[in-house]
């Protein structure tokens, strides 16, 4: 029987990858990538010539069984996403669950993820926190915000730049304008920044300074 490796990849700076991750990517029989074009830049940088196939949210349901059968047959595979750790708001859960159910060894390497640097850098309590990922776009969004308004732990969210103003506006509405939060964007990249303050202050900042890049919001608990 083979093995599945979940391999974190850099969220910005290409140096944010472990030596073990590079070693695994060179040794496995096949790399499953969320976007092969994006991953090719990383593989070329580290002179990794392992064969690669796509595995993303639009094809993972129909490809899971084929890949698990191949691993059972003796192949080793590494699953990577465009950036960060697979299965954290990225494809990976379905494949790892299927492997576990079939008794296939699964090994997740430690490595890059956006939520931990943003949380630690926020200045908010981080001994207890809840990761919410992306809020629902429409259905269930208001219900979830009402529930989270009573959450006592620090909350971590992912958000896209074009939805940040809407989300911050709703945080002011549901959590209160004086709730402390931070917005980190472009973590480990050239234009990395973290804006801290009340929900109202941070909202006003980004209304005057349209956001770009990957965004993590950290919100003080109630």
N, C-alpha and C. Protein backbone atom coordinates (compact mmCIF):
# COMPACT_ATOMS: atom_id res chain seq x y z
N UNK A 1 0.83 -1.19 0.00
CA UNK A 1 0.00 0.00 0.00
C UNK A 1 0.87 1.25 0.00
N UNK A 2 0.43 2.27 -0.70
CA UNK A 2 1.15 3.53 -0.73
C UNK A 2 0.76 4.44 0.43
N UNK A 3 0.84 5.74 0.21
CA UNK A 3 0.60 6.70 1.28
C UNK A 3 0.20 8.04 0.68
N UNK A 4 -0.61 8.80 1.43
CA UNK A 4 -0.98 10.16 1.03
C UNK A 4 -0.32 11.15 1.96
N UNK A 5 0.36 12.14 1.37
CA UNK A 5 0.95 13.24 2.13
C UNK A 5 0.16 14.52 1.84
N UNK A 6 -0.21 15.23 2.88
CA UNK A 6 -0.79 16.56 2.74
C UNK A 6 0.35 17.55 2.99
N UNK A 7 0.72 18.30 1.97
CA UNK A 7 1.93 19.12 2.04
C UNK A 7 1.59 20.61 1.95
N UNK A 8 1.82 21.38 3.02
CA UNK A 8 1.59 22.83 2.96
C UNK A 8 2.58 23.49 2.02
N UNK A 9 2.10 24.49 1.30
CA UNK A 9 2.95 25.26 0.40
C UNK A 9 2.93 26.73 0.81
N UNK A 10 3.92 27.51 0.42
CA UNK A 10 4.02 28.91 0.86
C UNK A 10 2.78 29.73 0.52
N UNK A 11 2.39 30.63 1.45
CA UNK A 11 1.27 31.52 1.19
C UNK A 11 1.74 32.82 0.56
N UNK A 12 3.05 33.01 0.48
CA UNK A 12 3.60 34.21 -0.12
C UNK A 12 5.03 33.97 -0.53
N UNK A 13 5.94 34.23 0.37
CA UNK A 13 7.37 34.05 0.12
C UNK A 13 7.69 32.57 -0.14
N UNK A 14 8.31 32.29 -1.28
CA UNK A 14 8.59 30.89 -1.65
C UNK A 14 9.55 30.20 -0.68
N UNK A 15 10.24 30.98 0.14
CA UNK A 15 11.15 30.38 1.13
C UNK A 15 10.39 29.79 2.32
N UNK A 16 9.10 30.09 2.43
CA UNK A 16 8.31 29.57 3.55
C UNK A 16 7.84 28.15 3.28
N UNK A 17 8.76 27.28 2.97
CA UNK A 17 8.46 25.86 2.77
C UNK A 17 9.52 25.08 3.53
N UNK A 18 9.13 23.93 4.07
CA UNK A 18 10.09 23.17 4.87
C UNK A 18 10.96 22.30 3.97
N UNK A 19 12.14 21.95 4.49
CA UNK A 19 13.03 21.04 3.76
C UNK A 19 12.36 19.70 3.54
N UNK A 20 11.60 19.26 4.54
CA UNK A 20 10.91 17.97 4.41
C UNK A 20 9.86 18.02 3.31
N UNK A 21 9.15 19.15 3.20
CA UNK A 21 8.13 19.28 2.17
C UNK A 21 8.76 19.15 0.78
N UNK A 22 9.89 19.80 0.56
CA UNK A 22 10.59 19.70 -0.72
C UNK A 22 11.00 18.26 -0.99
N UNK A 23 11.50 17.60 0.05
CA UNK A 23 11.95 16.21 -0.08
C UNK A 23 10.78 15.30 -0.47
N UNK A 24 9.65 15.47 0.20
CA UNK A 24 8.47 14.64 -0.09
C UNK A 24 7.99 14.88 -1.52
N UNK A 25 7.92 16.15 -1.93
CA UNK A 25 7.44 16.46 -3.27
C UNK A 25 8.34 15.87 -4.35
N UNK A 26 9.61 15.71 -4.06
CA UNK A 26 10.53 15.11 -5.02
C UNK A 26 10.43 13.58 -5.04
N UNK A 27 10.00 12.99 -3.92
CA UNK A 27 10.04 11.53 -3.80
C UNK A 27 8.74 10.83 -4.18
N UNK A 28 7.59 11.50 -4.06
CA UNK A 28 6.32 10.82 -4.32
C UNK A 28 6.18 10.50 -5.81
N UNK A 29 5.24 9.60 -6.09
CA UNK A 29 4.98 9.22 -7.48
C UNK A 29 4.16 10.27 -8.22
N UNK A 30 3.30 10.98 -7.49
CA UNK A 30 2.40 11.93 -8.13
C UNK A 30 2.05 13.06 -7.17
N UNK A 31 1.97 14.27 -7.70
CA UNK A 31 1.52 15.43 -6.93
C UNK A 31 0.13 15.82 -7.42
N UNK A 32 -0.81 15.94 -6.50
CA UNK A 32 -2.16 16.41 -6.81
C UNK A 32 -2.22 17.88 -6.44
N UNK A 33 -2.52 18.73 -7.40
CA UNK A 33 -2.46 20.17 -7.19
C UNK A 33 -3.82 20.83 -7.45
N UNK A 34 -4.14 21.82 -6.64
CA UNK A 34 -5.40 22.56 -6.82
C UNK A 34 -5.41 23.26 -8.18
N UNK A 35 -4.30 23.91 -8.53
CA UNK A 35 -4.14 24.54 -9.84
C UNK A 35 -2.72 24.24 -10.31
N UNK A 36 -2.61 23.40 -11.32
CA UNK A 36 -1.28 22.96 -11.76
C UNK A 36 -0.44 24.12 -12.28
N UNK A 37 -1.08 25.15 -12.84
CA UNK A 37 -0.33 26.31 -13.35
C UNK A 37 0.32 27.09 -12.20
N UNK A 38 -0.45 27.26 -11.12
CA UNK A 38 0.10 27.96 -9.95
C UNK A 38 1.21 27.14 -9.30
N UNK A 39 0.97 25.85 -9.13
CA UNK A 39 1.95 24.99 -8.45
C UNK A 39 3.21 24.81 -9.27
N UNK A 40 3.11 24.92 -10.59
CA UNK A 40 4.28 24.72 -11.44
C UNK A 40 5.38 25.75 -11.13
N UNK A 41 4.99 26.95 -10.75
CA UNK A 41 5.97 27.98 -10.40
C UNK A 41 6.81 27.54 -9.19
N UNK A 42 6.14 26.97 -8.19
CA UNK A 42 6.83 26.49 -7.00
C UNK A 42 7.73 25.30 -7.34
N UNK A 43 7.21 24.36 -8.09
CA UNK A 43 7.98 23.16 -8.42
C UNK A 43 9.21 23.51 -9.26
N UNK A 44 9.06 24.43 -10.20
CA UNK A 44 10.21 24.85 -11.00
C UNK A 44 11.26 25.54 -10.14
N UNK A 45 10.82 26.35 -9.18
CA UNK A 45 11.74 27.08 -8.32
C UNK A 45 12.64 26.12 -7.54
N UNK A 46 12.07 24.98 -7.11
CA UNK A 46 12.83 24.01 -6.33
C UNK A 46 13.26 22.80 -7.15
N UNK A 47 13.19 22.91 -8.47
CA UNK A 47 13.65 21.87 -9.39
C UNK A 47 13.01 20.52 -9.07
N UNK A 48 11.69 20.56 -8.90
CA UNK A 48 10.91 19.34 -8.63
C UNK A 48 10.22 18.94 -9.94
N UNK A 49 10.54 17.76 -10.44
CA UNK A 49 9.98 17.34 -11.72
C UNK A 49 8.99 16.18 -11.58
N UNK A 50 8.44 16.00 -10.41
CA UNK A 50 7.45 14.95 -10.16
C UNK A 50 6.20 15.20 -11.01
N UNK A 51 5.61 14.16 -11.61
CA UNK A 51 4.37 14.33 -12.38
C UNK A 51 3.27 14.96 -11.51
N UNK A 52 2.40 15.74 -12.16
CA UNK A 52 1.37 16.48 -11.42
C UNK A 52 0.03 16.36 -12.14
N UNK A 53 -1.05 16.23 -11.36
CA UNK A 53 -2.40 16.23 -11.91
C UNK A 53 -3.27 17.17 -11.09
N UNK A 54 -4.34 17.66 -11.70
CA UNK A 54 -5.21 18.61 -11.00
C UNK A 54 -6.16 17.88 -10.05
N UNK A 55 -6.41 18.52 -8.92
CA UNK A 55 -7.37 18.00 -7.94
C UNK A 55 -7.94 19.21 -7.21
N UNK A 56 -9.16 19.60 -7.60
CA UNK A 56 -9.75 20.83 -7.06
C UNK A 56 -11.23 20.63 -6.76
N UNK A 57 -11.88 21.69 -6.31
CA UNK A 57 -13.26 21.58 -5.83
C UNK A 57 -14.24 21.16 -6.92
N UNK A 58 -13.87 21.34 -8.19
CA UNK A 58 -14.78 21.01 -9.28
C UNK A 58 -14.62 19.57 -9.77
N UNK A 59 -13.54 18.90 -9.38
CA UNK A 59 -13.38 17.52 -9.86
C UNK A 59 -13.08 16.52 -8.74
N UNK A 60 -12.93 16.99 -7.50
CA UNK A 60 -12.50 16.08 -6.43
C UNK A 60 -13.50 14.97 -6.17
N UNK A 61 -14.79 15.23 -6.30
CA UNK A 61 -15.79 14.19 -6.03
C UNK A 61 -15.66 13.01 -6.99
N UNK A 62 -15.38 13.30 -8.24
CA UNK A 62 -15.32 12.20 -9.21
C UNK A 62 -13.93 11.57 -9.31
N UNK A 63 -12.92 12.20 -8.71
CA UNK A 63 -11.56 11.66 -8.83
C UNK A 63 -11.07 10.98 -7.55
N UNK A 64 -11.79 11.13 -6.46
CA UNK A 64 -11.35 10.57 -5.18
C UNK A 64 -11.13 9.07 -5.27
N UNK A 65 -12.12 8.35 -5.78
CA UNK A 65 -12.01 6.88 -5.79
C UNK A 65 -10.84 6.41 -6.65
N UNK A 66 -10.62 7.05 -7.78
CA UNK A 66 -9.52 6.65 -8.64
C UNK A 66 -8.16 6.83 -7.97
N UNK A 67 -8.00 7.93 -7.29
CA UNK A 67 -6.72 8.18 -6.63
C UNK A 67 -6.52 7.26 -5.43
N UNK A 68 -7.57 7.01 -4.65
CA UNK A 68 -7.42 6.11 -3.50
C UNK A 68 -7.12 4.69 -3.96
N UNK A 69 -7.71 4.28 -5.09
CA UNK A 69 -7.41 2.95 -5.63
C UNK A 69 -5.93 2.85 -6.01
N UNK A 70 -5.42 3.90 -6.59
CA UNK A 70 -4.01 3.89 -7.00
C UNK A 70 -3.07 3.87 -5.79
N UNK A 71 -3.45 4.59 -4.74
CA UNK A 71 -2.62 4.58 -3.53
C UNK A 71 -2.66 3.20 -2.89
N UNK A 72 -3.85 2.58 -2.87
CA UNK A 72 -3.93 1.22 -2.34
C UNK A 72 -3.08 0.26 -3.16
N UNK A 73 -2.91 0.60 -4.42
CA UNK A 73 -2.11 -0.26 -5.29
C UNK A 73 -0.61 -0.05 -5.14
N UNK A 74 -0.21 0.92 -4.29
CA UNK A 74 1.21 1.07 -4.00
C UNK A 74 1.81 2.43 -4.32
N UNK A 75 1.05 3.32 -4.98
CA UNK A 75 1.60 4.64 -5.31
C UNK A 75 1.59 5.56 -4.09
N UNK A 76 2.56 6.46 -4.03
CA UNK A 76 2.55 7.50 -3.01
C UNK A 76 2.19 8.82 -3.69
N UNK A 77 1.36 9.63 -3.02
CA UNK A 77 0.90 10.89 -3.59
C UNK A 77 1.02 12.01 -2.57
N UNK A 78 1.26 13.21 -3.08
CA UNK A 78 1.28 14.41 -2.24
C UNK A 78 0.19 15.34 -2.72
N UNK A 79 -0.63 15.82 -1.81
CA UNK A 79 -1.69 16.76 -2.15
C UNK A 79 -1.26 18.16 -1.72
N UNK A 80 -1.32 19.12 -2.65
CA UNK A 80 -0.99 20.50 -2.33
C UNK A 80 -2.13 21.40 -2.82
N UNK A 81 -2.30 22.54 -2.15
CA UNK A 81 -3.24 23.55 -2.62
C UNK A 81 -2.44 24.71 -3.20
N UNK A 82 -3.13 25.73 -3.68
CA UNK A 82 -2.42 26.87 -4.27
C UNK A 82 -1.51 27.55 -3.25
N UNK A 83 -1.95 27.57 -2.00
CA UNK A 83 -1.16 28.20 -0.93
C UNK A 83 -1.69 27.72 0.41
N UNK A 84 -0.78 27.45 1.34
CA UNK A 84 -1.19 27.03 2.67
C UNK A 84 -1.37 25.53 2.80
N UNK A 85 -2.12 25.14 3.81
CA UNK A 85 -2.31 23.73 4.13
C UNK A 85 -3.58 23.18 3.48
N UNK A 86 -3.49 22.08 2.74
CA UNK A 86 -4.68 21.49 2.13
C UNK A 86 -5.77 21.21 3.16
N UNK A 87 -7.03 21.35 2.73
CA UNK A 87 -8.23 21.08 3.53
C UNK A 87 -8.61 22.23 4.44
N UNK A 88 -7.74 23.25 4.61
CA UNK A 88 -8.11 24.44 5.38
C UNK A 88 -8.65 25.47 4.41
N UNK A 89 -9.97 25.49 4.21
CA UNK A 89 -10.62 26.33 3.20
C UNK A 89 -10.07 26.05 1.81
N UNK A 90 -9.61 24.85 1.58
CA UNK A 90 -9.08 24.41 0.30
C UNK A 90 -9.43 22.93 0.13
N UNK A 91 -9.34 22.40 -1.11
CA UNK A 91 -9.59 20.96 -1.30
C UNK A 91 -8.63 20.10 -0.47
N UNK A 92 -9.09 18.93 -0.09
CA UNK A 92 -8.23 18.02 0.65
C UNK A 92 -8.98 17.13 1.62
N UNK A 93 -10.08 17.65 2.18
CA UNK A 93 -10.81 16.88 3.17
C UNK A 93 -11.38 15.59 2.59
N UNK A 94 -12.00 15.68 1.43
CA UNK A 94 -12.64 14.49 0.85
C UNK A 94 -11.62 13.38 0.61
N UNK A 95 -10.46 13.73 0.08
CA UNK A 95 -9.46 12.71 -0.22
C UNK A 95 -8.86 12.12 1.05
N UNK A 96 -8.54 12.96 2.01
CA UNK A 96 -7.96 12.44 3.25
C UNK A 96 -8.97 11.56 3.99
N UNK A 97 -10.24 11.97 4.01
CA UNK A 97 -11.27 11.14 4.66
C UNK A 97 -11.42 9.80 3.96
N UNK A 98 -11.42 9.82 2.62
CA UNK A 98 -11.57 8.57 1.87
C UNK A 98 -10.39 7.64 2.14
N UNK A 99 -9.19 8.20 2.22
CA UNK A 99 -8.01 7.37 2.52
C UNK A 99 -8.11 6.76 3.91
N UNK A 100 -8.50 7.56 4.87
CA UNK A 100 -8.61 7.06 6.25
C UNK A 100 -9.63 5.94 6.34
N UNK A 101 -10.75 6.10 5.65
CA UNK A 101 -11.80 5.07 5.67
C UNK A 101 -11.33 3.76 5.04
N UNK A 102 -10.39 3.86 4.09
CA UNK A 102 -9.87 2.66 3.43
C UNK A 102 -8.61 2.13 4.08
N UNK A 103 -8.22 2.73 5.18
CA UNK A 103 -7.04 2.27 5.90
C UNK A 103 -5.73 2.69 5.27
N UNK A 104 -5.76 3.69 4.42
CA UNK A 104 -4.55 4.19 3.76
C UNK A 104 -3.84 5.17 4.69
N UNK A 105 -2.53 5.04 4.88
CA UNK A 105 -1.80 5.98 5.74
C UNK A 105 -1.87 7.40 5.19
N UNK A 106 -2.14 8.35 6.08
CA UNK A 106 -2.19 9.77 5.72
C UNK A 106 -1.25 10.53 6.64
N UNK A 107 -0.41 11.38 6.07
CA UNK A 107 0.56 12.14 6.85
C UNK A 107 0.46 13.61 6.45
N UNK A 108 0.06 14.48 7.37
CA UNK A 108 -0.01 15.91 7.10
C UNK A 108 1.24 16.58 7.67
N UNK A 109 2.01 17.20 6.80
CA UNK A 109 3.22 17.89 7.25
C UNK A 109 2.85 19.23 7.88
N UNK A 110 3.61 19.67 8.89
CA UNK A 110 3.40 21.02 9.42
C UNK A 110 3.94 22.03 8.43
N UNK A 111 3.35 23.22 8.46
CA UNK A 111 3.84 24.23 7.53
C UNK A 111 2.93 25.43 7.43
N UNK A 112 3.04 26.14 6.33
CA UNK A 112 2.40 27.44 6.16
C UNK A 112 0.88 27.35 6.21
N UNK A 113 0.30 28.32 6.92
CA UNK A 113 -1.14 28.56 6.89
C UNK A 113 -1.35 30.01 7.30
N UNK A 114 -2.35 30.66 6.73
CA UNK A 114 -2.51 32.10 6.94
C UNK A 114 -3.10 32.44 8.31
N UNK A 115 -3.92 31.55 8.86
CA UNK A 115 -4.68 31.94 10.04
C UNK A 115 -3.81 32.13 11.29
N UNK A 116 -2.77 31.32 11.47
CA UNK A 116 -1.96 31.41 12.69
C UNK A 116 -1.13 32.69 12.74
N UNK A 117 -0.39 33.06 11.67
CA UNK A 117 0.33 34.33 11.74
C UNK A 117 -0.60 35.53 11.96
N UNK A 118 -1.76 35.52 11.32
CA UNK A 118 -2.70 36.63 11.49
C UNK A 118 -3.22 36.69 12.92
N UNK A 119 -3.51 35.53 13.50
CA UNK A 119 -4.01 35.48 14.87
C UNK A 119 -2.97 35.99 15.86
N UNK A 120 -1.75 35.48 15.74
CA UNK A 120 -0.69 35.89 16.67
C UNK A 120 -0.35 37.37 16.50
N UNK A 121 -0.40 37.85 15.28
CA UNK A 121 -0.04 39.23 14.98
C UNK A 121 -1.15 40.23 15.30
N UNK A 122 -2.33 39.74 15.64
CA UNK A 122 -3.47 40.63 15.87
C UNK A 122 -3.39 41.39 17.18
N UNK A 123 -2.67 40.83 18.16
CA UNK A 123 -2.65 41.43 19.49
C UNK A 123 -3.85 41.05 20.33
N UNK A 124 -4.71 40.19 19.80
CA UNK A 124 -5.89 39.73 20.53
C UNK A 124 -5.60 38.38 21.19
N UNK A 125 -6.38 38.02 22.22
CA UNK A 125 -6.12 36.76 22.92
C UNK A 125 -6.13 35.57 21.95
N UNK A 126 -5.11 34.72 22.04
CA UNK A 126 -5.02 33.60 21.11
C UNK A 126 -4.87 32.25 21.80
N UNK A 127 -5.06 32.22 23.13
CA UNK A 127 -5.00 30.92 23.80
C UNK A 127 -6.24 30.07 23.50
N UNK A 128 -7.35 30.75 23.17
CA UNK A 128 -8.57 30.07 22.72
C UNK A 128 -9.13 30.85 21.55
N UNK A 129 -9.42 30.14 20.46
CA UNK A 129 -9.98 30.84 19.31
C UNK A 129 -10.82 29.87 18.48
N UNK A 130 -11.65 30.43 17.59
CA UNK A 130 -12.47 29.62 16.70
C UNK A 130 -12.22 30.08 15.27
N UNK A 131 -11.96 29.12 14.38
CA UNK A 131 -11.70 29.43 12.98
C UNK A 131 -12.99 29.24 12.20
N UNK A 132 -13.49 30.33 11.59
CA UNK A 132 -14.75 30.28 10.86
C UNK A 132 -14.57 30.20 9.35
N UNK A 133 -13.34 30.39 8.87
CA UNK A 133 -13.14 30.36 7.42
C UNK A 133 -13.92 31.47 6.74
N UNK A 134 -14.51 31.16 5.58
CA UNK A 134 -15.32 32.13 4.86
C UNK A 134 -16.77 32.08 5.36
N UNK A 135 -17.35 33.23 5.62
CA UNK A 135 -18.76 33.30 5.98
C UNK A 135 -19.61 32.88 4.78
N UNK A 136 -20.80 32.35 5.02
CA UNK A 136 -21.69 32.04 3.89
C UNK A 136 -21.95 33.30 3.06
N UNK A 137 -22.02 33.13 1.75
CA UNK A 137 -22.23 34.29 0.88
C UNK A 137 -23.63 34.87 1.05
N UNK A 138 -24.64 34.00 1.10
CA UNK A 138 -26.02 34.47 1.23
C UNK A 138 -26.76 33.68 2.30
N UNK A 139 -27.19 32.49 1.97
CA UNK A 139 -28.02 31.70 2.87
C UNK A 139 -27.29 31.38 4.17
N UNK A 140 -27.90 31.74 5.28
CA UNK A 140 -27.34 31.43 6.59
C UNK A 140 -26.35 32.45 7.11
N UNK A 141 -26.03 33.46 6.32
CA UNK A 141 -25.01 34.44 6.73
C UNK A 141 -25.47 35.24 7.95
N UNK A 142 -26.67 35.80 7.90
CA UNK A 142 -27.16 36.60 9.02
C UNK A 142 -27.34 35.76 10.28
N UNK A 143 -27.84 34.55 10.11
CA UNK A 143 -28.01 33.65 11.26
C UNK A 143 -26.67 33.37 11.93
N UNK A 144 -25.65 33.14 11.12
CA UNK A 144 -24.33 32.85 11.67
C UNK A 144 -23.75 34.07 12.37
N UNK A 145 -23.95 35.26 11.82
CA UNK A 145 -23.45 36.48 12.45
C UNK A 145 -24.13 36.72 13.80
N UNK A 146 -25.42 36.45 13.87
CA UNK A 146 -26.14 36.60 15.14
C UNK A 146 -25.57 35.64 16.19
N UNK A 147 -25.32 34.40 15.79
CA UNK A 147 -24.75 33.42 16.71
C UNK A 147 -23.35 33.82 17.16
N UNK A 148 -22.54 34.30 16.21
CA UNK A 148 -21.16 34.66 16.52
C UNK A 148 -21.06 35.93 17.36
N UNK A 149 -22.09 36.73 17.37
CA UNK A 149 -22.05 37.95 18.18
C UNK A 149 -21.93 37.64 19.67
N UNK A 150 -22.27 36.41 20.06
CA UNK A 150 -22.17 36.00 21.46
C UNK A 150 -20.94 35.13 21.72
N UNK A 151 -20.14 34.86 20.69
CA UNK A 151 -18.96 34.01 20.83
C UNK A 151 -17.92 34.70 21.72
N UNK A 152 -17.46 33.99 22.76
CA UNK A 152 -16.52 34.57 23.71
C UNK A 152 -15.06 34.43 23.27
N UNK A 153 -14.80 33.47 22.40
CA UNK A 153 -13.43 33.25 21.95
C UNK A 153 -13.08 34.20 20.79
N UNK A 154 -11.80 34.41 20.59
CA UNK A 154 -11.34 35.17 19.43
C UNK A 154 -11.74 34.41 18.17
N UNK A 155 -12.20 35.15 17.16
CA UNK A 155 -12.70 34.54 15.93
C UNK A 155 -11.78 34.89 14.75
N UNK A 156 -11.56 33.93 13.88
CA UNK A 156 -10.70 34.13 12.70
C UNK A 156 -11.51 33.84 11.45
N UNK A 157 -11.47 34.76 10.49
CA UNK A 157 -12.22 34.63 9.24
C UNK A 157 -11.27 34.82 8.05
N UNK A 158 -11.58 34.16 6.95
CA UNK A 158 -10.96 34.46 5.67
C UNK A 158 -11.94 35.33 4.88
N UNK A 159 -11.41 36.24 4.06
CA UNK A 159 -12.29 37.06 3.23
C UNK A 159 -11.57 37.49 1.96
N UNK A 160 -12.34 37.70 0.91
CA UNK A 160 -11.79 38.21 -0.34
C UNK A 160 -11.80 39.73 -0.30
N UNK A 161 -10.90 40.39 -1.04
CA UNK A 161 -10.82 41.84 -0.96
C UNK A 161 -12.09 42.56 -1.38
N UNK A 162 -12.81 42.03 -2.38
CA UNK A 162 -14.00 42.73 -2.86
C UNK A 162 -15.21 42.56 -1.93
N UNK A 163 -15.09 41.69 -0.93
CA UNK A 163 -16.18 41.52 0.03
C UNK A 163 -15.83 42.05 1.42
N UNK A 164 -14.61 42.58 1.57
CA UNK A 164 -14.16 43.00 2.90
C UNK A 164 -15.02 44.11 3.48
N UNK A 165 -15.34 45.14 2.68
CA UNK A 165 -16.14 46.27 3.18
C UNK A 165 -17.51 45.79 3.67
N UNK A 166 -18.14 44.92 2.90
CA UNK A 166 -19.44 44.38 3.30
C UNK A 166 -19.32 43.63 4.63
N UNK A 167 -18.29 42.80 4.75
CA UNK A 167 -18.12 42.01 5.97
C UNK A 167 -17.84 42.90 7.17
N UNK A 168 -16.97 43.87 7.03
CA UNK A 168 -16.67 44.78 8.14
C UNK A 168 -17.90 45.59 8.53
N UNK A 169 -18.68 46.00 7.55
CA UNK A 169 -19.93 46.73 7.83
C UNK A 169 -20.87 45.87 8.66
N UNK A 170 -20.96 44.60 8.32
CA UNK A 170 -21.83 43.69 9.09
C UNK A 170 -21.25 43.41 10.47
N UNK A 171 -19.92 43.38 10.60
CA UNK A 171 -19.33 43.21 11.93
C UNK A 171 -19.69 44.40 12.83
N UNK A 172 -19.65 45.60 12.27
CA UNK A 172 -20.07 46.78 13.04
C UNK A 172 -21.53 46.64 13.46
N UNK A 173 -22.37 46.16 12.55
CA UNK A 173 -23.80 46.02 12.82
C UNK A 173 -24.09 44.95 13.86
N UNK A 174 -23.46 43.79 13.74
CA UNK A 174 -23.80 42.66 14.60
C UNK A 174 -22.93 42.56 15.84
N UNK A 175 -21.67 42.97 15.75
CA UNK A 175 -20.75 42.85 16.88
C UNK A 175 -20.58 44.17 17.64
N UNK A 176 -20.89 45.28 16.97
CA UNK A 176 -20.69 46.59 17.58
C UNK A 176 -19.47 47.29 17.02
N UNK A 177 -19.58 48.60 16.83
CA UNK A 177 -18.50 49.36 16.23
C UNK A 177 -17.25 49.44 17.07
N UNK A 178 -17.38 49.16 18.39
CA UNK A 178 -16.21 49.26 19.27
C UNK A 178 -15.51 47.92 19.48
N UNK A 179 -15.97 46.87 18.80
CA UNK A 179 -15.32 45.55 18.91
C UNK A 179 -13.92 45.63 18.28
N UNK A 180 -12.92 45.16 18.99
CA UNK A 180 -11.56 45.18 18.49
C UNK A 180 -11.36 44.09 17.44
N UNK A 181 -10.64 44.44 16.38
CA UNK A 181 -10.32 43.44 15.37
C UNK A 181 -9.06 43.86 14.61
N UNK A 182 -8.56 42.95 13.82
CA UNK A 182 -7.42 43.25 12.96
C UNK A 182 -7.66 42.63 11.59
N UNK A 183 -7.12 43.26 10.58
CA UNK A 183 -7.17 42.73 9.22
C UNK A 183 -5.73 42.59 8.73
N UNK A 184 -5.33 41.36 8.44
CA UNK A 184 -4.01 41.10 7.88
C UNK A 184 -4.18 40.72 6.42
N UNK A 185 -3.35 41.30 5.58
CA UNK A 185 -3.42 40.97 4.15
C UNK A 185 -2.02 40.76 3.58
N UNK A 186 -1.97 39.93 2.54
CA UNK A 186 -0.71 39.65 1.85
C UNK A 186 0.37 39.14 2.82
N UNK A 187 -0.01 38.22 3.70
CA UNK A 187 0.92 37.69 4.70
C UNK A 187 2.12 37.05 4.02
N UNK A 188 3.31 37.44 4.46
CA UNK A 188 4.62 36.97 3.99
C UNK A 188 4.96 37.45 2.57
N UNK A 189 4.19 38.40 2.05
CA UNK A 189 4.47 38.96 0.73
C UNK A 189 5.05 40.37 0.87
N UNK A 190 5.43 40.96 -0.24
CA UNK A 190 6.10 42.25 -0.24
C UNK A 190 5.27 43.35 0.40
N UNK A 191 3.95 43.34 0.15
CA UNK A 191 3.09 44.41 0.65
C UNK A 191 2.26 43.97 1.86
N UNK A 192 2.81 43.09 2.65
CA UNK A 192 2.12 42.63 3.86
C UNK A 192 1.82 43.78 4.79
N UNK A 193 0.61 43.78 5.38
CA UNK A 193 0.27 44.77 6.39
C UNK A 193 -0.83 44.23 7.30
N UNK A 194 -0.88 44.76 8.51
CA UNK A 194 -1.94 44.44 9.46
C UNK A 194 -2.50 45.75 9.99
N UNK A 195 -3.81 45.91 9.86
CA UNK A 195 -4.50 47.09 10.36
C UNK A 195 -5.30 46.68 11.58
N UNK A 196 -5.04 47.34 12.72
CA UNK A 196 -5.71 47.01 13.98
C UNK A 196 -6.53 48.19 14.47
N UNK A 197 -7.61 47.90 15.21
CA UNK A 197 -8.42 48.96 15.79
C UNK A 197 -9.82 48.45 16.06
N UNK A 198 -10.74 49.36 16.29
CA UNK A 198 -12.14 48.95 16.44
C UNK A 198 -12.70 48.59 15.07
N UNK A 199 -13.82 47.90 15.08
CA UNK A 199 -14.45 47.52 13.82
C UNK A 199 -14.76 48.76 12.98
N UNK A 200 -15.23 49.82 13.62
CA UNK A 200 -15.56 51.05 12.91
C UNK A 200 -14.31 51.71 12.33
N UNK A 201 -13.22 51.74 13.10
CA UNK A 201 -11.98 52.35 12.64
C UNK A 201 -11.40 51.59 11.44
N UNK A 202 -11.39 50.28 11.53
CA UNK A 202 -10.83 49.47 10.45
C UNK A 202 -11.70 49.58 9.20
N UNK A 203 -13.02 49.61 9.39
CA UNK A 203 -13.93 49.80 8.26
C UNK A 203 -13.62 51.12 7.54
N UNK A 204 -13.49 52.19 8.31
CA UNK A 204 -13.21 53.50 7.72
C UNK A 204 -11.87 53.52 7.00
N UNK A 205 -10.90 52.80 7.53
CA UNK A 205 -9.59 52.73 6.87
C UNK A 205 -9.71 52.12 5.48
N UNK A 206 -10.41 51.00 5.37
CA UNK A 206 -10.48 50.32 4.08
C UNK A 206 -11.50 50.97 3.15
N UNK A 207 -12.41 51.77 3.68
CA UNK A 207 -13.27 52.56 2.79
C UNK A 207 -12.43 53.62 2.07
N UNK A 208 -11.38 54.10 2.73
CA UNK A 208 -10.48 55.09 2.13
C UNK A 208 -9.32 54.45 1.38
N UNK A 209 -9.02 53.19 1.71
CA UNK A 209 -7.89 52.48 1.11
C UNK A 209 -8.38 51.11 0.62
N UNK A 210 -8.89 51.04 -0.59
CA UNK A 210 -9.45 49.77 -1.11
C UNK A 210 -8.46 48.63 -0.95
N UNK A 211 -8.90 47.52 -0.36
CA UNK A 211 -7.98 46.40 -0.07
C UNK A 211 -7.65 45.58 -1.30
N UNK A 212 -6.47 44.95 -1.25
CA UNK A 212 -6.06 44.00 -2.27
C UNK A 212 -5.45 42.79 -1.58
N UNK A 213 -5.39 41.68 -2.31
CA UNK A 213 -4.69 40.50 -1.81
C UNK A 213 -5.52 39.61 -0.92
N UNK A 214 -4.86 38.57 -0.40
CA UNK A 214 -5.50 37.60 0.49
C UNK A 214 -5.66 38.22 1.87
N UNK A 215 -6.83 38.00 2.50
CA UNK A 215 -7.17 38.70 3.74
C UNK A 215 -7.59 37.74 4.84
N UNK A 216 -7.10 38.01 6.06
CA UNK A 216 -7.53 37.29 7.25
C UNK A 216 -8.02 38.33 8.27
N UNK A 217 -9.21 38.13 8.80
CA UNK A 217 -9.78 39.02 9.80
C UNK A 217 -9.78 38.29 11.14
N UNK A 218 -9.28 38.96 12.17
CA UNK A 218 -9.29 38.40 13.53
C UNK A 218 -10.14 39.33 14.39
N UNK A 219 -11.14 38.76 15.06
CA UNK A 219 -12.11 39.55 15.80
C UNK A 219 -12.13 39.16 17.27
N UNK A 220 -12.12 40.16 18.13
CA UNK A 220 -12.19 39.95 19.57
C UNK A 220 -13.49 39.24 19.94
N UNK A 221 -13.43 38.32 20.89
CA UNK A 221 -14.63 37.66 21.36
C UNK A 221 -15.49 38.60 22.20
N UNK A 222 -16.73 38.19 22.44
CA UNK A 222 -17.66 39.02 23.22
C UNK A 222 -17.26 38.97 24.69
